[in-house]
Amino acid sequence: MTEFKLIGDHIPMIQLLKAAHLVSTGGEAQIVVSEGEVKYNGEVDYRKRLKVKRGDTVEFRGNKILVI
């Protein structure tokens, strides 16, 4: 599990995927979210602008991120 240190109170899901280097571009992030490849706190979530906060987990292609 990777820890991602959040600056501020939230980060949009697509920005988190880019910041964690799990995707190359914002466009790629939007596609993988809309295709249901991303889990948010254990559930598939299709919201690209989802506000990810401290304590949340995001899973994508075998990578798990804990937002701290």
C-alpha atoms as a PDB file:
ATOM      1  CA  MET A   1       0.000   0.000   0.000  1.00  0.00           C
ATOM      2  CA  THR A   2       1.224   3.454  -0.929  1.00  0.00           C
ATOM      3  CA  GLU A   3       0.539   6.494   1.241  1.00  0.00           C
ATOM      4  CA  PHE A   4      -0.342   9.784  -0.440  1.00  0.00           C
ATOM      5  CA  LYS A   5       0.099  12.904   1.690  1.00  0.00           C
ATOM      6  CA  LEU A   6      -2.781  15.244   0.989  1.00  0.00           C
ATOM      7  CA  ILE A   7      -2.239  18.988   0.981  1.00  0.00           C
ATOM      8  CA  GLY A   8      -5.524  20.778   1.618  1.00  0.00           C
ATOM      9  CA  ASP A   9      -8.802  19.089   2.490  1.00  0.00           C
ATOM     10  CA  HIS A  10      -9.399  17.030  -0.689  1.00  0.00           C
ATOM     11  CA  ILE A  11      -8.137  16.105  -4.170  1.00  0.00           C
ATOM     12  CA  PRO A  12     -10.261  15.122  -7.187  1.00  0.00           C
ATOM     13  CA  MET A  13      -9.982  11.424  -8.082  1.00  0.00           C
ATOM     14  CA  ILE A  14      -8.468  12.045 -11.536  1.00  0.00           C
ATOM     15  CA  GLN A  15      -5.819  14.343 -10.051  1.00  0.00           C
ATOM     16  CA  LEU A  16      -4.948  11.752  -7.416  1.00  0.00           C
ATOM     17  CA  LEU A  17      -4.405   9.084 -10.077  1.00  0.00           C
ATOM     18  CA  LYS A  18      -2.061  11.446 -11.930  1.00  0.00           C
ATOM     19  CA  ALA A  19      -0.243  12.614  -8.789  1.00  0.00           C
ATOM     20  CA  ALA A  20       0.326   9.000  -7.701  1.00  0.00           C
ATOM     21  CA  HIS A  21       1.799   8.245 -11.169  1.00  0.00           C
ATOM     22  CA  LEU A  22      -0.770   5.528 -11.868  1.00  0.00           C
ATOM     23  CA  VAL A  23      -1.787   7.158 -15.167  1.00  0.00           C
ATOM     24  CA  SER A  24       0.094   9.421 -17.577  1.00  0.00           C
ATOM     25  CA  THR A  25      -2.580  11.998 -18.381  1.00  0.00           C
ATOM     26  CA  GLY A  26      -5.831  13.416 -17.092  1.00  0.00           C
ATOM     27  CA  GLY A  27      -7.567  11.981 -20.138  1.00  0.00           C
ATOM     28  CA  GLU A  28      -6.354   8.496 -19.282  1.00  0.00           C
ATOM     29  CA  ALA A  29      -7.529   9.006 -15.681  1.00  0.00           C
ATOM     30  CA  GLN A  30     -11.005   9.994 -16.873  1.00  0.00           C
ATOM     31  CA  ILE A  31     -11.231   6.902 -19.072  1.00  0.00           C
ATOM     32  CA  VAL A  32     -10.204   4.411 -16.379  1.00  0.00           C
ATOM     33  CA  VAL A  33     -12.618   5.957 -13.871  1.00  0.00           C
ATOM     34  CA  SER A  34     -15.516   5.997 -16.335  1.00  0.00           C
ATOM     35  CA  GLU A  35     -14.826   2.354 -17.255  1.00  0.00           C
ATOM     36  CA  GLY A  36     -15.070   1.276 -13.607  1.00  0.00           C
ATOM     37  CA  GLU A  37     -11.419   0.340 -13.130  1.00  0.00           C
ATOM     38  CA  VAL A  38     -11.034   2.365  -9.918  1.00  0.00           C
ATOM     39  CA  LYS A  39     -12.280   1.437  -6.453  1.00  0.00           C
ATOM     40  CA  TYR A  40     -12.937   4.090  -3.817  1.00  0.00           C
ATOM     41  CA  ASN A  41     -13.081   2.753  -0.244  1.00  0.00           C
ATOM     42  CA  GLY A  42     -13.626  -0.762  -1.604  1.00  0.00           C
ATOM     43  CA  GLU A  43     -16.423   0.093  -4.072  1.00  0.00           C
ATOM     44  CA  VAL A  44     -16.216   0.800  -7.803  1.00  0.00           C
ATOM     45  CA  ASP A  45     -16.872   4.504  -8.324  1.00  0.00           C
ATOM     46  CA  TYR A  46     -17.455   6.249 -11.662  1.00  0.00           C
ATOM     47  CA  ARG A  47     -17.197   9.870 -10.451  1.00  0.00           C
ATOM     48  CA  LYS A  48     -14.218  11.661 -12.004  1.00  0.00           C
ATOM     49  CA  ARG A  49     -14.517  14.709  -9.764  1.00  0.00           C
ATOM     50  CA  LEU A  50     -14.998  12.679  -6.590  1.00  0.00           C
ATOM     51  CA  LYS A  51     -13.378  14.503  -3.674  1.00  0.00           C
ATOM     52  CA  VAL A  52     -10.893  12.113  -2.083  1.00  0.00           C
ATOM     53  CA  LYS A  53     -10.108  12.990   1.544  1.00  0.00           C
ATOM     54  CA  ARG A  54      -7.777  11.829   4.319  1.00  0.00           C
ATOM     55  CA  GLY A  55      -8.476   8.273   5.417  1.00  0.00           C
ATOM     56  CA  ASP A  56      -9.867   7.232   2.017  1.00  0.00           C
ATOM     57  CA  THR A  57      -8.397   4.377  -0.016  1.00  0.00           C
ATOM     58  CA  VAL A  58      -8.221   4.156  -3.801  1.00  0.00           C
ATOM     59  CA  GLU A  59      -7.403   0.942  -5.682  1.00  0.00           C
ATOM     60  CA  PHE A  60      -6.363   0.726  -9.320  1.00  0.00           C
ATOM     61  CA  ARG A  61      -4.739  -2.152 -11.223  1.00  0.00           C
ATOM     62  CA  GLY A  62      -3.326  -3.812  -8.124  1.00  0.00           C
ATOM     63  CA  ASN A  63      -2.154  -0.555  -6.548  1.00  0.00           C
ATOM     64  CA  LYS A  64      -3.729   0.618  -3.308  1.00  0.00           C
ATOM     65  CA  ILE A  65      -3.349   4.196  -2.103  1.00  0.00           C
ATOM     66  CA  LEU A  66      -4.132   5.390   1.406  1.00  0.00           C
ATOM     67  CA  VAL A  67      -4.678   9.143   1.560  1.00  0.00           C
ATOM     68  CA  ILE A  68      -3.124  10.646   4.690  1.00  0.00           C
END
